[in-house]
PDB file of all heavy atoms in Angstrom:
ATOM      1  N   LEU A   1     -29.480  -2.987  29.034  1.00  0.00           N
ATOM      2  CA  LEU A   1     -29.437  -3.431  30.480  1.00  0.00           C
ATOM      3  C   LEU A   1     -29.670  -4.901  30.725  1.00  0.00           C
ATOM      4  O   LEU A   1     -28.933  -5.590  31.477  1.00  0.00           O
ATOM      5  CB  LEU A   1     -30.410  -2.652  31.308  1.00  0.00           C
ATOM      6  CG  LEU A   1     -30.437  -2.916  32.795  1.00  0.00           C
ATOM      7  CD1 LEU A   1     -29.117  -2.720  33.513  1.00  0.00           C
ATOM      8  CD2 LEU A   1     -31.578  -2.020  33.526  1.00  0.00           C
ATOM      9  N   ASP A   2     -30.646  -5.436  30.016  1.00  0.00           N
ATOM     10  CA  ASP A   2     -30.937  -6.887  30.100  1.00  0.00           C
ATOM     11  C   ASP A   2     -29.690  -7.672  29.690  1.00  0.00           C
ATOM     12  O   ASP A   2     -29.340  -8.724  30.283  1.00  0.00           O
ATOM     13  CB  ASP A   2     -32.099  -7.296  29.251  1.00  0.00           C
ATOM     14  CG  ASP A   2     -33.455  -6.758  29.895  1.00  0.00           C
ATOM     15  OD1 ASP A   2     -33.490  -6.472  31.033  1.00  0.00           O
ATOM     16  OD2 ASP A   2     -34.454  -6.699  29.141  1.00  0.00           O
ATOM     17  N   ILE A   3     -29.016  -7.287  28.676  1.00  0.00           N
ATOM     18  CA  ILE A   3     -27.855  -8.073  28.214  1.00  0.00           C
ATOM     19  C   ILE A   3     -26.743  -7.942  29.278  1.00  0.00           C
ATOM     20  O   ILE A   3     -26.065  -8.973  29.540  1.00  0.00           O
ATOM     21  CB  ILE A   3     -27.308  -7.499  26.807  1.00  0.00           C
ATOM     22  CG1 ILE A   3     -28.400  -7.895  25.715  1.00  0.00           C
ATOM     23  CG2 ILE A   3     -25.941  -7.986  26.540  1.00  0.00           C
ATOM     24  CD1 ILE A   3     -28.144  -7.253  24.386  1.00  0.00           C
ATOM     25  N   LEU A   4     -26.511  -6.777  29.862  1.00  0.00           N
ATOM     26  CA  LEU A   4     -25.443  -6.646  30.884  1.00  0.00           C
ATOM     27  C   LEU A   4     -25.766  -7.540  32.043  1.00  0.00           C
ATOM     28  O   LEU A   4     -24.933  -8.239  32.562  1.00  0.00           O
ATOM     29  CB  LEU A   4     -25.263  -5.219  31.271  1.00  0.00           C
ATOM     30  CG  LEU A   4     -24.737  -4.174  30.207  1.00  0.00           C
ATOM     31  CD1 LEU A   4     -24.674  -2.854  30.859  1.00  0.00           C
ATOM     32  CD2 LEU A   4     -23.381  -4.618  29.767  1.00  0.00           C
ATOM     33  N   LEU A   5     -27.038  -7.519  32.519  1.00  0.00           N
ATOM     34  CA  LEU A   5     -27.511  -8.378  33.590  1.00  0.00           C
ATOM     35  C   LEU A   5     -27.336  -9.887  33.265  1.00  0.00           C
ATOM     36  O   LEU A   5     -26.890 -10.629  34.113  1.00  0.00           O
ATOM     37  CB  LEU A   5     -28.835  -8.035  33.997  1.00  0.00           C
ATOM     38  CG  LEU A   5     -28.980  -6.675  34.643  1.00  0.00           C
ATOM     39  CD1 LEU A   5     -30.496  -6.256  34.832  1.00  0.00           C
ATOM     40  CD2 LEU A   5     -28.254  -6.572  36.015  1.00  0.00           C
ATOM     41  N   PHE A   6     -27.726 -10.223  32.058  1.00  0.00           N
ATOM     42  CA  PHE A   6     -27.647 -11.615  31.611  1.00  0.00           C
ATOM     43  C   PHE A   6     -26.139 -12.059  31.638  1.00  0.00           C
ATOM     44  O   PHE A   6     -25.780 -13.110  32.212  1.00  0.00           O
ATOM     45  CB  PHE A   6     -28.144 -11.778  30.261  1.00  0.00           C
ATOM     46  CG  PHE A   6     -28.042 -13.169  29.718  1.00  0.00           C
ATOM     47  CD1 PHE A   6     -28.883 -14.211  29.980  1.00  0.00           C
ATOM     48  CD2 PHE A   6     -26.901 -13.517  28.833  1.00  0.00           C
ATOM     49  CE1 PHE A   6     -28.700 -15.451  29.472  1.00  0.00           C
ATOM     50  CE2 PHE A   6     -26.703 -14.793  28.459  1.00  0.00           C
ATOM     51  CZ  PHE A   6     -27.626 -15.817  28.664  1.00  0.00           C
ATOM     52  N   LEU A   7     -25.254 -11.275  31.147  1.00  0.00           N
ATOM     53  CA  LEU A   7     -23.840 -11.609  31.107  1.00  0.00           C
ATOM     54  C   LEU A   7     -23.240 -11.675  32.444  1.00  0.00           C
ATOM     55  O   LEU A   7     -22.375 -12.569  32.787  1.00  0.00           O
ATOM     56  CB  LEU A   7     -23.075 -10.647  30.245  1.00  0.00           C
ATOM     57  CG  LEU A   7     -23.293 -10.656  28.759  1.00  0.00           C
ATOM     58  CD1 LEU A   7     -22.549  -9.514  28.033  1.00  0.00           C
ATOM     59  CD2 LEU A   7     -22.916 -12.031  28.116  1.00  0.00           C
ATOM     60  N   SER A   8     -23.686 -10.899  33.359  1.00  0.00           N
ATOM     61  CA  SER A   8     -23.211 -10.884  34.731  1.00  0.00           C
ATOM     62  C   SER A   8     -23.676 -12.158  35.487  1.00  0.00           C
ATOM     63  O   SER A   8     -22.977 -12.649  36.364  1.00  0.00           O
ATOM     64  CB  SER A   8     -23.610  -9.675  35.475  1.00  0.00           C
ATOM     65  OG  SER A   8     -24.930  -9.688  35.851  1.00  0.00           O
ATOM     66  N   LYS A   9     -24.846 -12.657  35.200  1.00  0.00           N
ATOM     67  CA  LYS A   9     -25.426 -13.781  35.959  1.00  0.00           C
ATOM     68  C   LYS A   9     -25.076 -15.206  35.230  1.00  0.00           C
ATOM     69  O   LYS A   9     -25.378 -16.182  35.793  1.00  0.00           O
ATOM     70  CB  LYS A   9     -26.913 -13.617  35.958  1.00  0.00           C
ATOM     71  CG  LYS A   9     -27.310 -12.484  36.945  1.00  0.00           C
ATOM     72  CD  LYS A   9     -27.261 -12.855  38.346  1.00  0.00           C
ATOM     73  CE  LYS A   9     -27.855 -11.805  39.219  1.00  0.00           C
ATOM     74  NZ  LYS A   9     -27.730 -11.988  40.593  1.00  0.00           N
ATOM     75  N   ASN A  10     -24.670 -15.128  33.993  1.00  0.00           N
ATOM     76  CA  ASN A  10     -24.491 -16.376  33.227  1.00  0.00           C
ATOM     77  C   ASN A  10     -23.111 -16.454  32.566  1.00  0.00           C
ATOM     78  O   ASN A  10     -23.039 -16.351  31.365  1.00  0.00           O
ATOM     79  CB  ASN A  10     -25.613 -16.497  32.203  1.00  0.00           C
ATOM     80  CG  ASN A  10     -26.967 -16.384  32.792  1.00  0.00           C
ATOM     81  OD1 ASN A  10     -27.464 -17.443  33.307  1.00  0.00           O
ATOM     82  ND2 ASN A  10     -27.673 -15.306  32.761  1.00  0.00           N
ATOM     83  N   PRO A  11     -22.008 -16.572  33.385  1.00  0.00           N
ATOM     84  CA  PRO A  11     -20.686 -16.448  32.847  1.00  0.00           C
ATOM     85  C   PRO A  11     -20.430 -17.600  31.761  1.00  0.00           C
ATOM     86  O   PRO A  11     -19.583 -17.366  30.857  1.00  0.00           O
ATOM     87  CB  PRO A  11     -19.776 -16.715  33.977  1.00  0.00           C
ATOM     88  CG  PRO A  11     -20.630 -17.179  35.145  1.00  0.00           C
ATOM     89  CD  PRO A  11     -22.058 -16.749  34.873  1.00  0.00           C
ATOM     90  N   GLY A  12     -21.081 -18.700  31.776  1.00  0.00           N
ATOM     91  CA  GLY A  12     -20.890 -19.777  30.798  1.00  0.00           C
ATOM     92  C   GLY A  12     -21.661 -19.539  29.469  1.00  0.00           C
ATOM     93  O   GLY A  12     -21.475 -20.291  28.537  1.00  0.00           O
ATOM     94  N   PHE A  13     -22.429 -18.629  29.494  1.00  0.00           N
ATOM     95  CA  PHE A  13     -23.272 -18.311  28.303  1.00  0.00           C
ATOM     96  C   PHE A  13     -22.872 -16.842  27.936  1.00  0.00           C
ATOM     97  O   PHE A  13     -23.592 -15.886  28.225  1.00  0.00           O
ATOM     98  CB  PHE A  13     -24.755 -18.417  28.628  1.00  0.00           C
ATOM     99  CG  PHE A  13     -25.110 -19.777  28.985  1.00  0.00           C
ATOM    100  CD1 PHE A  13     -25.284 -20.144  30.323  1.00  0.00           C
ATOM    101  CD2 PHE A  13     -25.302 -20.777  27.991  1.00  0.00           C
ATOM    102  CE1 PHE A  13     -25.570 -21.409  30.732  1.00  0.00           C
ATOM    103  CE2 PHE A  13     -25.602 -22.102  28.388  1.00  0.00           C
ATOM    104  CZ  PHE A  13     -25.730 -22.363  29.772  1.00  0.00           C
ATOM    105  N   ASP A  14     -21.800 -16.658  27.071  1.00  0.00           N
ATOM    106  CA  ASP A  14     -21.261 -15.396  26.903  1.00  0.00           C
ATOM    107  C   ASP A  14     -21.195 -15.050  25.344  1.00  0.00           C
ATOM    108  O   ASP A  14     -20.291 -14.296  24.901  1.00  0.00           O
ATOM    109  CB  ASP A  14     -19.883 -15.263  27.506  1.00  0.00           C
ATOM    110  CG  ASP A  14     -18.925 -16.282  27.019  1.00  0.00           C
ATOM    111  OD1 ASP A  14     -19.208 -17.185  26.251  1.00  0.00           O
ATOM    112  OD2 ASP A  14     -17.778 -16.182  27.412  1.00  0.00           O
ATOM    113  N   THR A  15     -22.027 -15.535  24.555  1.00  0.00           N
ATOM    114  CA  THR A  15     -22.038 -15.239  23.170  1.00  0.00           C
ATOM    115  C   THR A  15     -23.440 -14.630  22.780  1.00  0.00           C
ATOM    116  O   THR A  15     -24.362 -14.768  23.503  1.00  0.00           O
ATOM    117  CB  THR A  15     -21.770 -16.499  22.271  1.00  0.00           C
ATOM    118  OG1 THR A  15     -23.048 -17.359  22.383  1.00  0.00           O
ATOM    119  CG2 THR A  15     -20.590 -17.259  22.631  1.00  0.00           C
ATOM    120  N   ALA A  16     -23.419 -13.968  21.618  1.00  0.00           N
ATOM    121  CA  ALA A  16     -24.642 -13.341  21.142  1.00  0.00           C
ATOM    122  C   ALA A  16     -25.712 -14.444  20.951  1.00  0.00           C
ATOM    123  O   ALA A  16     -26.920 -14.291  21.275  1.00  0.00           O
ATOM    124  CB  ALA A  16     -24.456 -12.635  19.810  1.00  0.00           C
ATOM    125  N   THR A  17     -25.334 -15.598  20.430  1.00  0.00           N
ATOM    126  CA  THR A  17     -26.265 -16.727  20.235  1.00  0.00           C
ATOM    127  C   THR A  17     -26.820 -17.177  21.549  1.00  0.00           C
ATOM    128  O   THR A  17     -27.981 -17.507  21.622  1.00  0.00           O
ATOM    129  CB  THR A  17     -25.467 -17.858  19.556  1.00  0.00           C
ATOM    130  OG1 THR A  17     -25.025 -17.394  18.218  1.00  0.00           O
ATOM    131  CG2 THR A  17     -26.477 -19.068  19.306  1.00  0.00           C
ATOM    132  N   ASP A  18     -25.986 -17.193  22.655  1.00  0.00           N
ATOM    133  CA  ASP A  18     -26.548 -17.636  23.937  1.00  0.00           C
ATOM    134  C   ASP A  18     -27.644 -16.643  24.397  1.00  0.00           C
ATOM    135  O   ASP A  18     -28.564 -17.076  24.920  1.00  0.00           O
ATOM    136  CB  ASP A  18     -25.372 -17.557  25.007  1.00  0.00           C
ATOM    137  CG  ASP A  18     -24.320 -18.699  24.766  1.00  0.00           C
ATOM    138  OD1 ASP A  18     -24.774 -19.810  24.249  1.00  0.00           O
ATOM    139  OD2 ASP A  18     -23.214 -18.500  25.154  1.00  0.00           O
ATOM    140  N   ILE A  19     -27.346 -15.358  24.130  1.00  0.00           N
ATOM    141  CA  ILE A  19     -28.341 -14.329  24.577  1.00  0.00           C
ATOM    142  C   ILE A  19     -29.676 -14.523  23.796  1.00  0.00           C
ATOM    143  O   ILE A  19     -30.776 -14.477  24.306  1.00  0.00           O
ATOM    144  CB  ILE A  19     -27.839 -12.943  24.359  1.00  0.00           C
ATOM    145  CG1 ILE A  19     -26.610 -12.731  25.377  1.00  0.00           C
ATOM    146  CG2 ILE A  19     -28.844 -11.892  24.637  1.00  0.00           C
ATOM    147  CD1 ILE A  19     -25.749 -11.554  25.019  1.00  0.00           C
ATOM    148  N   VAL A  20     -29.613 -14.701  22.478  1.00  0.00           N
ATOM    149  CA  VAL A  20     -30.749 -14.801  21.639  1.00  0.00           C
ATOM    150  C   VAL A  20     -31.481 -16.162  22.086  1.00  0.00           C
ATOM    151  O   VAL A  20     -32.712 -16.036  22.189  1.00  0.00           O
ATOM    152  CB  VAL A  20     -30.292 -14.917  20.122  1.00  0.00           C
ATOM    153  CG1 VAL A  20     -31.482 -15.440  19.332  1.00  0.00           C
ATOM    154  CG2 VAL A  20     -29.768 -13.599  19.622  1.00  0.00           C
ATOM    155  N   ASP A  21     -30.805 -17.253  22.276  1.00  0.00           N
ATOM    156  CA  ASP A  21     -31.443 -18.509  22.604  1.00  0.00           C
ATOM    157  C   ASP A  21     -32.077 -18.486  23.989  1.00  0.00           C
ATOM    158  O   ASP A  21     -33.244 -18.969  24.144  1.00  0.00           O
ATOM    159  CB  ASP A  21     -30.486 -19.656  22.475  1.00  0.00           C
ATOM    160  CG  ASP A  21     -29.992 -19.992  21.083  1.00  0.00           C
ATOM    161  OD1 ASP A  21     -30.604 -19.430  20.168  1.00  0.00           O
ATOM    162  OD2 ASP A  21     -28.969 -20.715  20.886  1.00  0.00           O
ATOM    163  N   ARG A  22     -31.348 -17.909  24.913  1.00  0.00           N
ATOM    164  CA  ARG A  22     -31.837 -18.054  26.354  1.00  0.00           C
ATOM    165  C   ARG A  22     -32.851 -16.889  26.691  1.00  0.00           C
ATOM    166  O   ARG A  22     -33.773 -17.159  27.541  1.00  0.00           O
ATOM    167  CB  ARG A  22     -30.761 -18.007  27.349  1.00  0.00           C
ATOM    168  CG  ARG A  22     -29.798 -19.339  27.088  1.00  0.00           C
ATOM    169  CD  ARG A  22     -29.045 -19.623  28.301  1.00  0.00           C
ATOM    170  NE  ARG A  22     -28.332 -20.782  28.041  1.00  0.00           N
ATOM    171  CZ  ARG A  22     -28.776 -22.037  28.495  1.00  0.00           C
ATOM    172  NH1 ARG A  22     -29.791 -22.163  29.166  1.00  0.00           N
ATOM    173  NH2 ARG A  22     -28.061 -23.142  28.237  1.00  0.00           N
ATOM    174  N   LYS A  23     -32.624 -15.705  26.071  1.00  0.00           N
ATOM    175  CA  LYS A  23     -33.548 -14.649  26.494  1.00  0.00           C
ATOM    176  C   LYS A  23     -34.668 -14.448  25.425  1.00  0.00           C
ATOM    177  O   LYS A  23     -35.600 -13.695  25.649  1.00  0.00           O
ATOM    178  CB  LYS A  23     -32.729 -13.288  26.507  1.00  0.00           C
ATOM    179  CG  LYS A  23     -31.809 -13.236  27.626  1.00  0.00           C
ATOM    180  CD  LYS A  23     -32.436 -13.239  28.959  1.00  0.00           C
ATOM    181  CE  LYS A  23     -33.064 -11.967  29.381  1.00  0.00           C
ATOM    182  NZ  LYS A  23     -33.654 -11.931  30.722  1.00  0.00           N
ATOM    183  N   ARG A  24     -34.605 -15.171  24.312  1.00  0.00           N
ATOM    184  CA  ARG A  24     -35.624 -15.132  23.246  1.00  0.00           C
ATOM    185  C   ARG A  24     -35.666 -13.719  22.663  1.00  0.00           C
ATOM    186  O   ARG A  24     -36.801 -13.262  22.274  1.00  0.00           O
ATOM    187  CB  ARG A  24     -36.916 -15.624  23.701  1.00  0.00           C
ATOM    188  CG  ARG A  24     -36.974 -16.993  24.306  1.00  0.00           C
ATOM    189  CD  ARG A  24     -36.676 -18.005  23.145  1.00  0.00           C
ATOM    190  NE  ARG A  24     -36.939 -19.313  23.637  1.00  0.00           N
ATOM    191  CZ  ARG A  24     -35.982 -20.231  23.431  1.00  0.00           C
ATOM    192  NH1 ARG A  24     -34.840 -20.035  22.900  1.00  0.00           N
ATOM    193  NH2 ARG A  24     -36.162 -21.513  23.930  1.00  0.00           N
ATOM    194  N   PHE A  25     -34.535 -12.969  22.570  1.00  0.00           N
ATOM    195  CA  PHE A  25     -34.542 -11.671  21.928  1.00  0.00           C
ATOM    196  C   PHE A  25     -34.283 -11.857  20.498  1.00  0.00           C
ATOM    197  O   PHE A  25     -33.670 -12.798  20.008  1.00  0.00           O
ATOM    198  CB  PHE A  25     -33.467 -10.841  22.515  1.00  0.00           C
ATOM    199  CG  PHE A  25     -33.618 -10.431  23.930  1.00  0.00           C
ATOM    200  CD1 PHE A  25     -32.524 -10.112  24.704  1.00  0.00           C
ATOM    201  CD2 PHE A  25     -34.848 -10.273  24.488  1.00  0.00           C
ATOM    202  CE1 PHE A  25     -32.655  -9.778  26.065  1.00  0.00           C
ATOM    203  CE2 PHE A  25     -35.035  -9.855  25.930  1.00  0.00           C
ATOM    204  CZ  PHE A  25     -33.906  -9.609  26.619  1.00  0.00           C
ATOM    205  N   ALA A  26     -34.699 -10.884  19.679  1.00  0.00           N
ATOM    206  CA  ALA A  26     -34.424 -10.904  18.255  1.00  0.00           C
ATOM    207  C   ALA A  26     -32.934 -10.736  18.018  1.00  0.00           C
ATOM    208  O   ALA A  26     -32.338  -9.902  18.618  1.00  0.00           O
ATOM    209  CB  ALA A  26     -35.190  -9.838  17.512  1.00  0.00           C
ATOM    210  N   LYS A  27     -32.416 -11.448  17.004  1.00  0.00           N
ATOM    211  CA  LYS A  27     -30.998 -11.379  16.737  1.00  0.00           C
ATOM    212  C   LYS A  27     -30.644  -9.905  16.335  1.00  0.00           C
ATOM    213  O   LYS A  27     -29.567  -9.430  16.807  1.00  0.00           O
ATOM    214  CB  LYS A  27     -30.613 -12.275  15.412  1.00  0.00           C
ATOM    215  CG  LYS A  27     -30.576 -13.653  15.808  1.00  0.00           C
ATOM    216  CD  LYS A  27     -30.188 -14.464  14.429  1.00  0.00           C
ATOM    217  CE  LYS A  27     -30.339 -15.944  14.715  1.00  0.00           C
ATOM    218  NZ  LYS A  27     -29.952 -16.728  13.429  1.00  0.00           N
ATOM    219  N   SER A  28     -31.426  -9.260  15.554  1.00  0.00           N
ATOM    220  CA  SER A  28     -31.127  -7.912  15.141  1.00  0.00           C
ATOM    221  C   SER A  28     -31.046  -6.897  16.335  1.00  0.00           C
ATOM    222  O   SER A  28     -30.165  -6.124  16.385  1.00  0.00           O
ATOM    223  CB  SER A  28     -32.134  -7.453  14.097  1.00  0.00           C
ATOM    224  OG  SER A  28     -33.460  -7.408  14.698  1.00  0.00           O
ATOM    225  N   HIS A  29     -31.897  -7.112  17.320  1.00  0.00           N
ATOM    226  CA  HIS A  29     -31.944  -6.223  18.476  1.00  0.00           C
ATOM    227  C   HIS A  29     -30.740  -6.604  19.321  1.00  0.00           C
ATOM    228  O   HIS A  29     -30.123  -5.608  19.884  1.00  0.00           O
ATOM    229  CB  HIS A  29     -33.162  -6.466  19.278  1.00  0.00           C
ATOM    230  CG  HIS A  29     -34.423  -5.917  18.561  1.00  0.00           C
ATOM    231  ND1 HIS A  29     -35.693  -6.436  18.807  1.00  0.00           N
ATOM    232  CD2 HIS A  29     -34.603  -5.049  17.578  1.00  0.00           C
ATOM    233  CE1 HIS A  29     -36.539  -5.836  18.073  1.00  0.00           C
ATOM    234  NE2 HIS A  29     -35.915  -4.898  17.268  1.00  0.00           N
ATOM    235  N   VAL A  30     -30.339  -7.756  19.478  1.00  0.00           N
ATOM    236  CA  VAL A  30     -29.184  -8.188  20.247  1.00  0.00           C
ATOM    237  C   VAL A  30     -27.913  -7.550  19.564  1.00  0.00           C
ATOM    238  O   VAL A  30     -27.065  -6.941  20.204  1.00  0.00           O
ATOM    239  CB  VAL A  30     -29.019  -9.657  20.447  1.00  0.00           C
ATOM    240  CG1 VAL A  30     -27.753 -10.127  21.011  1.00  0.00           C
ATOM    241  CG2 VAL A  30     -30.190 -10.178  21.302  1.00  0.00           C
ATOM    242  N   SER A  31     -27.873  -7.749  18.264  1.00  0.00           N
ATOM    243  CA  SER A  31     -26.687  -7.226  17.577  1.00  0.00           C
ATOM    244  C   SER A  31     -26.540  -5.701  17.715  1.00  0.00           C
ATOM    245  O   SER A  31     -25.370  -5.279  18.006  1.00  0.00           O
ATOM    246  CB  SER A  31     -26.819  -7.598  16.068  1.00  0.00           C
ATOM    247  OG  SER A  31     -25.731  -7.109  15.339  1.00  0.00           O
ATOM    248  N   LEU A  32     -27.643  -5.028  17.571  1.00  0.00           N
ATOM    249  CA  LEU A  32     -27.583  -3.526  17.658  1.00  0.00           C
ATOM    250  C   LEU A  32     -27.162  -3.165  19.104  1.00  0.00           C
ATOM    251  O   LEU A  32     -26.347  -2.192  19.335  1.00  0.00           O
ATOM    252  CB  LEU A  32     -28.930  -2.928  17.259  1.00  0.00           C
ATOM    253  CG  LEU A  32     -29.023  -1.412  17.403  1.00  0.00           C
ATOM    254  CD1 LEU A  32     -28.049  -0.768  16.375  1.00  0.00           C
ATOM    255  CD2 LEU A  32     -30.529  -1.069  17.002  1.00  0.00           C
ATOM    256  N   SER A  33     -27.720  -3.818  20.141  1.00  0.00           N
ATOM    257  CA  SER A  33     -27.469  -3.555  21.508  1.00  0.00           C
ATOM    258  C   SER A  33     -26.007  -3.752  21.868  1.00  0.00           C
ATOM    259  O   SER A  33     -25.388  -3.041  22.532  1.00  0.00           O
ATOM    260  CB  SER A  33     -28.343  -4.272  22.432  1.00  0.00           C
ATOM    261  OG  SER A  33     -29.771  -3.837  22.320  1.00  0.00           O
ATOM    262  N   LEU A  34     -25.455  -4.920  21.296  1.00  0.00           N
ATOM    263  CA  LEU A  34     -24.088  -5.278  21.588  1.00  0.00           C
ATOM    264  C   LEU A  34     -23.151  -4.227  21.015  1.00  0.00           C
ATOM    265  O   LEU A  34     -22.097  -3.882  21.557  1.00  0.00           O
ATOM    266  CB  LEU A  34     -23.726  -6.686  21.047  1.00  0.00           C
ATOM    267  CG  LEU A  34     -24.383  -7.828  21.844  1.00  0.00           C
ATOM    268  CD1 LEU A  34     -24.140  -9.165  21.037  1.00  0.00           C
ATOM    269  CD2 LEU A  34     -23.863  -7.860  23.231  1.00  0.00           C
ATOM    270  N   LYS A  35     -23.468  -3.783  19.781  1.00  0.00           N
ATOM    271  CA  LYS A  35     -22.660  -2.722  19.151  1.00  0.00           C
ATOM    272  C   LYS A  35     -22.662  -1.436  20.016  1.00  0.00           C
ATOM    273  O   LYS A  35     -21.573  -0.906  20.275  1.00  0.00           O
ATOM    274  CB  LYS A  35     -23.228  -2.464  17.722  1.00  0.00           C
ATOM    275  CG  LYS A  35     -22.407  -1.368  16.944  1.00  0.00           C
ATOM    276  CD  LYS A  35     -23.101  -1.212  15.565  1.00  0.00           C
ATOM    277  CE  LYS A  35     -22.219  -0.329  14.716  1.00  0.00           C
ATOM    278  NZ  LYS A  35     -22.459   1.041  14.820  1.00  0.00           N
ATOM    279  N   THR A  36     -23.782  -1.028  20.533  1.00  0.00           N
ATOM    280  CA  THR A  36     -23.907   0.094  21.420  1.00  0.00           C
ATOM    281  C   THR A  36     -23.037  -0.105  22.691  1.00  0.00           C
ATOM    282  O   THR A  36     -22.295   0.802  23.175  1.00  0.00           O
ATOM    283  CB  THR A  36     -25.327   0.447  21.679  1.00  0.00           C
ATOM    284  OG1 THR A  36     -26.055   0.660  20.472  1.00  0.00           O
ATOM    285  CG2 THR A  36     -25.495   1.646  22.590  1.00  0.00           C
ATOM    286  N   LEU A  37     -23.265  -1.208  23.323  1.00  0.00           N
ATOM    287  CA  LEU A  37     -22.551  -1.543  24.511  1.00  0.00           C
ATOM    288  C   LEU A  37     -20.987  -1.585  24.354  1.00  0.00           C
ATOM    289  O   LEU A  37     -20.227  -1.054  25.177  1.00  0.00           O
ATOM    290  CB  LEU A  37     -23.039  -2.879  25.192  1.00  0.00           C
ATOM    291  CG  LEU A  37     -24.454  -2.947  25.710  1.00  0.00           C
ATOM    292  CD1 LEU A  37     -24.919  -4.349  25.979  1.00  0.00           C
ATOM    293  CD2 LEU A  37     -24.487  -2.036  26.928  1.00  0.00           C
ATOM    294  N   GLU A  38     -20.591  -1.997  23.212  1.00  0.00           N
ATOM    295  CA  GLU A  38     -19.184  -2.029  22.867  1.00  0.00           C
ATOM    296  C   GLU A  38     -18.684  -0.682  22.679  1.00  0.00           C
ATOM    297  O   GLU A  38     -17.582  -0.297  23.240  1.00  0.00           O
ATOM    298  CB  GLU A  38     -18.910  -2.966  21.630  1.00  0.00           C
ATOM    299  CG  GLU A  38     -17.437  -3.186  21.366  1.00  0.00           C
ATOM    300  CD  GLU A  38     -17.156  -4.159  20.232  1.00  0.00           C
ATOM    301  OE1 GLU A  38     -18.043  -4.144  19.336  1.00  0.00           O
ATOM    302  OE2 GLU A  38     -16.209  -4.791  20.279  1.00  0.00           O
ATOM    303  N   GLU A  39     -19.352   0.122  21.888  1.00  0.00           N
ATOM    304  CA  GLU A  39     -18.949   1.532  21.629  1.00  0.00           C
ATOM    305  C   GLU A  39     -18.854   2.330  22.896  1.00  0.00           C
ATOM    306  O   GLU A  39     -18.058   3.253  23.029  1.00  0.00           O
ATOM    307  CB  GLU A  39     -19.978   2.193  20.684  1.00  0.00           C
ATOM    308  CG  GLU A  39     -19.902   1.652  19.302  1.00  0.00           C
ATOM    309  CD  GLU A  39     -21.062   2.181  18.331  1.00  0.00           C
ATOM    310  OE1 GLU A  39     -21.958   2.801  18.837  1.00  0.00           O
ATOM    311  OE2 GLU A  39     -20.965   1.878  17.211  1.00  0.00           O
TER     312      GLU A  39
END
């Protein structure tokens, strides 16, 4: 949910790296969440 909300509010920051850098989430957690969201 945090990733979906981030992407909706930050259209210029739309990469996994942007999410990790700006939200300070672990890369592994972002990667897993993105996989689930895509599926």
